[in-house]
Amino acid sequence: MDEKQKSYQNFKLSLKEQLLRIEEILYLLISLGLLIVFGLILVDGFFVLISLFDVKDITYSVVKFLDKILVALIVVELFYTVMVAIVEESAIKCVEPFLLVGVTALVRRFLVLTFEIAHPVVYSAERMTFYLIEMGLIGFLVIVFVIAIYLFRKTRRG
């Protein structure tokens, strides 16, 4: 290998190392942002929990509180995924946390949807049909995600 090729290889290696450092810094900034968002959601959830005792429609407040908790859980799962991406060499290990975030988000939507069905502003047969279709799709996706998590864990164990 001549001097020009060695120089080029060293440049590529140096550039790759710099880009990996930048990637780690970005992951750390993202994780810091997720922690801040998690803290804000917890504070907001705490205020919703306190206001449970002051409202006339407790069902709405309970659903709102559950919504906050599930969003906080999604943020925690995303934080875990970012931490796995920083610590682990293999990107395949990041798959399971994203599947868990997906299941949590689907369950969150399902809870909100059931509340909307139970407390309709205006009853419409067409709207009810859309609600039922969406509930069926959510149920199907939850089953698919859970099967994917099961298969992922089974293949990882060997």
C-alpha atoms as a PDB file:
ATOM      1  CA  MET A   1       0.000   0.000   0.000  1.00  0.00           C
ATOM      2  CA  ASP A   2       1.459   3.320  -0.948  1.00  0.00           C
ATOM      3  CA  GLU A   3       1.535   6.446   1.185  1.00  0.00           C
ATOM      4  CA  LYS A   4      -1.507   8.006  -0.495  1.00  0.00           C
ATOM      5  CA  GLN A   5      -3.713   4.977   0.265  1.00  0.00           C
ATOM      6  CA  LYS A   6      -2.516   4.863   3.895  1.00  0.00           C
ATOM      7  CA  SER A   7      -3.304   8.531   4.270  1.00  0.00           C
ATOM      8  CA  TYR A   8      -6.760   8.006   2.800  1.00  0.00           C
ATOM      9  CA  GLN A   9      -7.423   5.012   5.117  1.00  0.00           C
ATOM     10  CA  ASN A  10      -6.322   7.045   8.152  1.00  0.00           C
ATOM     11  CA  PHE A  11      -8.608   9.883   7.079  1.00  0.00           C
ATOM     12  CA  LYS A  12     -11.579   7.497   6.729  1.00  0.00           C
ATOM     13  CA  LEU A  13     -10.872   5.971  10.132  1.00  0.00           C
ATOM     14  CA  SER A  14     -10.564   9.377  11.770  1.00  0.00           C
ATOM     15  CA  LEU A  15     -13.776  10.583  10.123  1.00  0.00           C
ATOM     16  CA  LYS A  16     -15.614   7.455  11.251  1.00  0.00           C
ATOM     17  CA  GLU A  17     -14.442   7.956  14.851  1.00  0.00           C
ATOM     18  CA  GLN A  18     -15.550  11.599  14.806  1.00  0.00           C
ATOM     19  CA  LEU A  19     -18.965  10.684  13.441  1.00  0.00           C
ATOM     20  CA  LEU A  20     -19.381   8.027  16.142  1.00  0.00           C
ATOM     21  CA  ARG A  21     -18.529  10.604  18.806  1.00  0.00           C
ATOM     22  CA  ILE A  22     -21.089  13.004  17.340  1.00  0.00           C
ATOM     23  CA  GLU A  23     -23.655  10.190  17.332  1.00  0.00           C
ATOM     24  CA  GLU A  24     -22.992   9.464  21.016  1.00  0.00           C
ATOM     25  CA  ILE A  25     -23.330  13.157  21.890  1.00  0.00           C
ATOM     26  CA  LEU A  26     -26.639  13.329  20.015  1.00  0.00           C
ATOM     27  CA  TYR A  27     -27.898  10.223  21.817  1.00  0.00           C
ATOM     28  CA  LEU A  28     -26.957  11.784  25.148  1.00  0.00           C
ATOM     29  CA  LEU A  29     -28.780  15.014  24.247  1.00  0.00           C
ATOM     30  CA  ILE A  30     -31.836  13.015  23.199  1.00  0.00           C
ATOM     31  CA  SER A  31     -31.762  11.042  26.445  1.00  0.00           C
ATOM     32  CA  LEU A  32     -31.488  14.263  28.449  1.00  0.00           C
ATOM     33  CA  GLY A  33     -34.478  15.669  26.562  1.00  0.00           C
ATOM     34  CA  LEU A  34     -36.458  12.499  27.243  1.00  0.00           C
ATOM     35  CA  LEU A  35     -35.688  12.746  30.957  1.00  0.00           C
ATOM     36  CA  ILE A  36     -36.894  16.356  31.006  1.00  0.00           C
ATOM     37  CA  VAL A  37     -40.089  15.405  29.155  1.00  0.00           C
ATOM     38  CA  PHE A  38     -40.625  12.502  31.566  1.00  0.00           C
ATOM     39  CA  GLY A  39     -40.303  14.855  34.536  1.00  0.00           C
ATOM     40  CA  LEU A  40     -42.788  17.315  33.033  1.00  0.00           C
ATOM     41  CA  ILE A  41     -45.275  14.526  32.322  1.00  0.00           C
ATOM     42  CA  LEU A  42     -44.979  13.272  35.906  1.00  0.00           C
ATOM     43  CA  VAL A  43     -45.598  16.751  37.303  1.00  0.00           C
ATOM     44  CA  ASP A  44     -48.608  17.191  35.012  1.00  0.00           C
ATOM     45  CA  GLY A  45     -49.867  13.723  35.978  1.00  0.00           C
ATOM     46  CA  PHE A  46     -49.502  14.633  39.646  1.00  0.00           C
ATOM     47  CA  PHE A  47     -51.690  17.726  39.131  1.00  0.00           C
ATOM     48  CA  VAL A  48     -54.253  15.629  37.251  1.00  0.00           C
ATOM     49  CA  LEU A  49     -54.228  13.146  40.144  1.00  0.00           C
ATOM     50  CA  ILE A  50     -54.811  15.941  42.657  1.00  0.00           C
ATOM     51  CA  SER A  51     -57.642  17.356  40.547  1.00  0.00           C
ATOM     52  CA  LEU A  52     -59.396  13.957  40.557  1.00  0.00           C
ATOM     53  CA  PHE A  53     -61.057  14.916  43.810  1.00  0.00           C
ATOM     54  CA  ASP A  54     -62.338  18.282  42.546  1.00  0.00           C
ATOM     55  CA  VAL A  55     -64.095  17.275  39.332  1.00  0.00           C
ATOM     56  CA  LYS A  56     -67.668  16.297  38.656  1.00  0.00           C
ATOM     57  CA  ASP A  57     -66.838  13.789  35.907  1.00  0.00           C
ATOM     58  CA  ILE A  58     -64.330  11.498  37.584  1.00  0.00           C
ATOM     59  CA  THR A  59     -64.291   9.080  34.628  1.00  0.00           C
ATOM     60  CA  TYR A  60     -62.819  11.717  32.345  1.00  0.00           C
ATOM     61  CA  SER A  61     -60.175  12.606  34.921  1.00  0.00           C
ATOM     62  CA  VAL A  62     -59.219   8.968  35.496  1.00  0.00           C
ATOM     63  CA  VAL A  63     -58.807   8.428  31.749  1.00  0.00           C
ATOM     64  CA  LYS A  64     -56.765  11.623  31.560  1.00  0.00           C
ATOM     65  CA  PHE A  65     -54.544  10.388  34.417  1.00  0.00           C
ATOM     66  CA  LEU A  66     -54.102   6.978  32.766  1.00  0.00           C
ATOM     67  CA  ASP A  67     -53.241   8.776  29.550  1.00  0.00           C
ATOM     68  CA  LYS A  68     -50.478  10.706  31.348  1.00  0.00           C
ATOM     69  CA  ILE A  69     -49.105   7.544  32.947  1.00  0.00           C
ATOM     70  CA  LEU A  70     -49.049   5.679  29.631  1.00  0.00           C
ATOM     71  CA  VAL A  71     -47.333   8.586  27.878  1.00  0.00           C
ATOM     72  CA  ALA A  72     -44.752   8.617  30.674  1.00  0.00           C
ATOM     73  CA  LEU A  73     -44.266   4.881  30.157  1.00  0.00           C
ATOM     74  CA  ILE A  74     -43.720   5.453  26.435  1.00  0.00           C
ATOM     75  CA  VAL A  75     -41.090   8.101  27.212  1.00  0.00           C
ATOM     76  CA  VAL A  76     -39.334   5.723  29.639  1.00  0.00           C
ATOM     77  CA  GLU A  77     -39.274   2.983  26.985  1.00  0.00           C
ATOM     78  CA  LEU A  78     -37.839   5.435  24.451  1.00  0.00           C
ATOM     79  CA  PHE A  79     -35.207   6.474  26.994  1.00  0.00           C
ATOM     80  CA  TYR A  80     -34.306   2.825  27.542  1.00  0.00           C
ATOM     81  CA  THR A  81     -34.035   2.331  23.778  1.00  0.00           C
ATOM     82  CA  VAL A  82     -31.654   5.274  23.483  1.00  0.00           C
ATOM     83  CA  MET A  83     -29.565   3.919  26.360  1.00  0.00           C
ATOM     84  CA  VAL A  84     -29.394   0.504  24.664  1.00  0.00           C
ATOM     85  CA  ALA A  85     -28.311   2.213  21.453  1.00  0.00           C
ATOM     86  CA  ILE A  86     -25.513   3.999  23.328  1.00  0.00           C
ATOM     87  CA  VAL A  87     -24.276   1.003  25.318  1.00  0.00           C
ATOM     88  CA  GLU A  88     -24.784  -1.929  22.939  1.00  0.00           C
ATOM     89  CA  GLU A  89     -22.864  -2.521  19.755  1.00  0.00           C
ATOM     90  CA  SER A  90     -25.695  -4.300  17.961  1.00  0.00           C
ATOM     91  CA  ALA A  91     -28.657  -2.264  16.750  1.00  0.00           C
ATOM     92  CA  ILE A  92     -30.876  -5.369  16.765  1.00  0.00           C
ATOM     93  CA  LYS A  93     -31.175  -5.104  20.548  1.00  0.00           C
ATOM     94  CA  CYS A  94     -33.072  -1.837  20.065  1.00  0.00           C
ATOM     95  CA  VAL A  95     -35.997  -3.657  18.439  1.00  0.00           C
ATOM     96  CA  GLU A  96     -37.708  -4.971  21.570  1.00  0.00           C
ATOM     97  CA  PRO A  97     -38.068  -1.593  23.332  1.00  0.00           C
ATOM     98  CA  PHE A  98     -39.656  -0.108  20.204  1.00  0.00           C
ATOM     99  CA  LEU A  99     -42.129  -2.982  20.098  1.00  0.00           C
ATOM    100  CA  LEU A 100     -42.949  -2.339  23.769  1.00  0.00           C
ATOM    101  CA  VAL A 101     -43.441   1.360  23.018  1.00  0.00           C
ATOM    102  CA  GLY A 102     -45.770   0.357  20.194  1.00  0.00           C
ATOM    103  CA  VAL A 103     -47.844  -1.879  22.467  1.00  0.00           C
ATOM    104  CA  THR A 104     -48.044   0.847  25.112  1.00  0.00           C
ATOM    105  CA  ALA A 105     -49.092   3.449  22.536  1.00  0.00           C
ATOM    106  CA  LEU A 106     -51.741   1.112  21.137  1.00  0.00           C
ATOM    107  CA  VAL A 107     -53.138   0.377  24.597  1.00  0.00           C
ATOM    108  CA  ARG A 108     -53.178   4.114  25.298  1.00  0.00           C
ATOM    109  CA  ARG A 109     -55.156   4.763  22.109  1.00  0.00           C
ATOM    110  CA  PHE A 110     -57.485   1.887  22.962  1.00  0.00           C
ATOM    111  CA  LEU A 111     -58.262   3.416  26.374  1.00  0.00           C
ATOM    112  CA  VAL A 112     -58.905   6.840  24.876  1.00  0.00           C
ATOM    113  CA  LEU A 113     -61.069   5.274  22.184  1.00  0.00           C
ATOM    114  CA  THR A 114     -63.183   3.343  24.695  1.00  0.00           C
ATOM    115  CA  PHE A 115     -63.704   6.558  26.642  1.00  0.00           C
ATOM    116  CA  GLU A 116     -64.807   8.342  23.453  1.00  0.00           C
ATOM    117  CA  ILE A 117     -67.244   5.515  22.709  1.00  0.00           C
ATOM    118  CA  ALA A 118     -68.638   5.539  26.249  1.00  0.00           C
ATOM    119  CA  HIS A 119     -69.048   9.327  26.286  1.00  0.00           C
ATOM    120  CA  PRO A 120     -69.998  10.397  22.739  1.00  0.00           C
ATOM    121  CA  VAL A 121     -70.578  14.074  22.056  1.00  0.00           C
ATOM    122  CA  VAL A 122     -72.936  13.228  19.206  1.00  0.00           C
ATOM    123  CA  TYR A 123     -74.026   9.671  18.484  1.00  0.00           C
ATOM    124  CA  SER A 124     -73.560   8.626  14.878  1.00  0.00           C
ATOM    125  CA  ALA A 125     -73.756   5.109  13.455  1.00  0.00           C
ATOM    126  CA  GLU A 126     -71.021   5.974  10.963  1.00  0.00           C
ATOM    127  CA  ARG A 127     -68.710   7.214  13.715  1.00  0.00           C
ATOM    128  CA  MET A 128     -69.420   4.099  15.784  1.00  0.00           C
ATOM    129  CA  THR A 129     -68.461   1.954  12.774  1.00  0.00           C
ATOM    130  CA  PHE A 130     -65.143   3.784  12.492  1.00  0.00           C
ATOM    131  CA  TYR A 131     -64.555   3.342  16.232  1.00  0.00           C
ATOM    132  CA  LEU A 132     -65.174  -0.390  15.995  1.00  0.00           C
ATOM    133  CA  ILE A 133     -62.908  -0.739  12.952  1.00  0.00           C
ATOM    134  CA  GLU A 134     -60.165   1.174  14.763  1.00  0.00           C
ATOM    135  CA  MET A 135     -60.595  -0.982  17.869  1.00  0.00           C
ATOM    136  CA  GLY A 136     -60.295  -4.115  15.740  1.00  0.00           C
ATOM    137  CA  LEU A 137     -57.139  -2.813  14.069  1.00  0.00           C
ATOM    138  CA  ILE A 138     -55.644  -1.858  17.430  1.00  0.00           C
ATOM    139  CA  GLY A 139     -56.410  -5.311  18.816  1.00  0.00           C
ATOM    140  CA  PHE A 140     -54.854  -6.959  15.766  1.00  0.00           C
ATOM    141  CA  LEU A 141     -51.711  -4.810  16.018  1.00  0.00           C
ATOM    142  CA  VAL A 142     -51.334  -5.525  19.739  1.00  0.00           C
ATOM    143  CA  ILE A 143     -51.494  -9.258  19.002  1.00  0.00           C
ATOM    144  CA  VAL A 144     -48.934  -8.910  16.186  1.00  0.00           C
ATOM    145  CA  PHE A 145     -46.570  -6.861  18.382  1.00  0.00           C
ATOM    146  CA  VAL A 146     -46.866  -9.296  21.297  1.00  0.00           C
ATOM    147  CA  ILE A 147     -46.133 -12.232  18.982  1.00  0.00           C
ATOM    148  CA  ALA A 148     -43.143 -10.319  17.594  1.00  0.00           C
ATOM    149  CA  ILE A 149     -41.842  -9.681  21.131  1.00  0.00           C
ATOM    150  CA  TYR A 150     -42.317 -13.350  22.001  1.00  0.00           C
ATOM    151  CA  LEU A 151     -40.486 -14.523  18.873  1.00  0.00           C
ATOM    152  CA  PHE A 152     -37.722 -11.979  19.389  1.00  0.00           C
ATOM    153  CA  ARG A 153     -37.142 -13.122  22.965  1.00  0.00           C
ATOM    154  CA  LYS A 154     -37.341 -16.788  21.972  1.00  0.00           C
ATOM    155  CA  THR A 155     -34.738 -16.425  19.210  1.00  0.00           C
ATOM    156  CA  ARG A 156     -32.487 -14.333  21.435  1.00  0.00           C
ATOM    157  CA  ARG A 157     -32.401 -17.036  24.097  1.00  0.00           C
ATOM    158  CA  GLY A 158     -31.443 -19.615  21.514  1.00  0.00           C
END
